[in-house]
Amino acid sequence: MRGTMKIPRQTINQLLSAALEIDAFEFENAKSVAEAIDAHAAGMDFADALHVSLTAAGETFVTFDKRLAKLAKRHINSVSVELAS
């Protein structure tokens, strides 16, 4: 949305946060979505943040993306993130 529609990051986060509060919407894992919104607000790409935050407890998210690994380690503490070599 940010790139194509030129919607500011803060507006996207407000809309997504509001969607979490609407009873008519059902999220499979609202906690992970909320965590991804927080990470997005801190500078991560939302899709990347959501993928990382949906990683199951006890599992490790592995990526070739150095920037993603660095940001995820900084902003998503609930998941182990490793850079693939």
Protein backbone atom coordinates (compact mmCIF):
# COMPACT_ATOMS: atom_id res chain seq x y z
CA MET A 1 0.00 0.00 0.00
CA ARG A 2 2.80 2.36 0.85
CA GLY A 3 4.59 2.01 -2.47
CA THR A 4 1.69 1.70 -4.89
CA MET A 5 -0.89 3.92 -3.24
CA LYS A 6 1.55 6.35 -1.55
CA ILE A 7 -0.10 5.87 1.86
CA PRO A 8 2.18 6.89 4.75
CA ARG A 9 3.46 4.16 7.09
CA GLN A 10 1.69 5.71 10.09
CA THR A 11 -1.68 5.70 8.29
CA ILE A 12 -1.25 2.05 7.29
CA ASN A 13 -0.46 1.12 10.89
CA GLN A 14 -3.50 3.03 12.17
CA LEU A 15 -5.77 1.27 9.67
CA LEU A 16 -4.38 -2.17 10.48
CA SER A 17 -4.60 -1.53 14.22
CA ALA A 18 -8.20 -0.38 13.82
CA ALA A 19 -9.00 -3.54 11.83
CA LEU A 20 -7.76 -5.64 14.77
CA GLU A 21 -10.42 -3.99 16.93
CA ILE A 22 -13.37 -4.71 14.60
CA ASP A 23 -15.34 -7.72 15.83
CA ALA A 24 -16.52 -8.56 12.30
CA PHE A 25 -12.91 -9.26 11.28
CA GLU A 26 -11.39 -12.55 12.35
CA PHE A 27 -7.62 -12.93 12.44
CA GLU A 28 -5.99 -16.33 12.65
CA ASN A 29 -3.31 -14.91 14.93
CA ALA A 30 -4.11 -11.37 16.06
CA LYS A 31 -1.10 -11.30 18.38
CA SER A 32 1.27 -11.87 15.44
CA VAL A 33 -0.50 -9.21 13.38
CA ALA A 34 -0.18 -6.73 16.26
CA GLU A 35 3.51 -7.61 16.61
CA ALA A 36 3.99 -7.09 12.87
CA ILE A 37 2.27 -3.70 13.06
CA ASP A 38 4.65 -2.65 15.84
CA ALA A 39 7.67 -3.85 13.86
CA HIS A 40 6.38 -2.04 10.77
CA ALA A 41 6.04 1.15 12.79
CA ALA A 42 9.68 0.70 13.80
CA GLY A 43 10.85 0.45 10.19
CA MET A 44 10.35 -3.12 8.98
CA ASP A 45 8.42 -4.00 5.85
CA PHE A 46 4.96 -5.16 7.01
CA ALA A 47 4.95 -8.38 4.97
CA ASP A 48 8.41 -9.31 6.26
CA ALA A 49 7.39 -8.51 9.83
CA LEU A 50 4.25 -10.61 9.50
CA HIS A 51 6.16 -13.59 8.08
CA VAL A 52 8.64 -13.45 10.95
CA SER A 53 6.02 -12.94 13.65
CA LEU A 54 4.03 -15.93 12.37
CA THR A 55 7.00 -18.23 12.96
CA ALA A 56 5.98 -20.84 15.52
CA ALA A 57 7.42 -20.76 19.02
CA GLY A 58 10.64 -22.73 19.22
CA GLU A 59 11.28 -22.49 15.48
CA THR A 60 13.80 -20.27 13.71
CA PHE A 61 13.05 -17.91 10.84
CA VAL A 62 15.86 -18.20 8.29
CA THR A 63 16.43 -15.64 5.53
CA PHE A 64 19.01 -14.61 2.94
CA ASP A 65 17.98 -10.97 3.42
CA LYS A 66 20.61 -9.29 5.65
CA ARG A 67 18.48 -6.22 6.28
CA LEU A 68 15.44 -8.32 7.22
CA ALA A 69 17.50 -10.40 9.64
CA LYS A 70 18.97 -7.30 11.28
CA LEU A 71 15.62 -5.53 11.65
CA ALA A 72 13.77 -8.65 12.81
CA LYS A 73 16.36 -9.33 15.52
CA ARG A 74 15.95 -5.74 16.68
CA HIS A 75 12.14 -5.46 16.55
CA ILE A 76 10.66 -8.95 16.96
CA ASN A 77 11.91 -10.55 20.15
CA SER A 78 9.51 -13.49 20.17
CA VAL A 79 11.24 -15.31 17.29
CA SER A 80 14.76 -16.53 16.64
CA VAL A 81 16.04 -15.10 13.33
CA GLU A 82 19.12 -16.32 11.49
CA LEU A 83 20.84 -15.27 8.31
CA ALA A 84 21.30 -18.18 5.89
CA SER A 85 24.78 -18.67 4.56
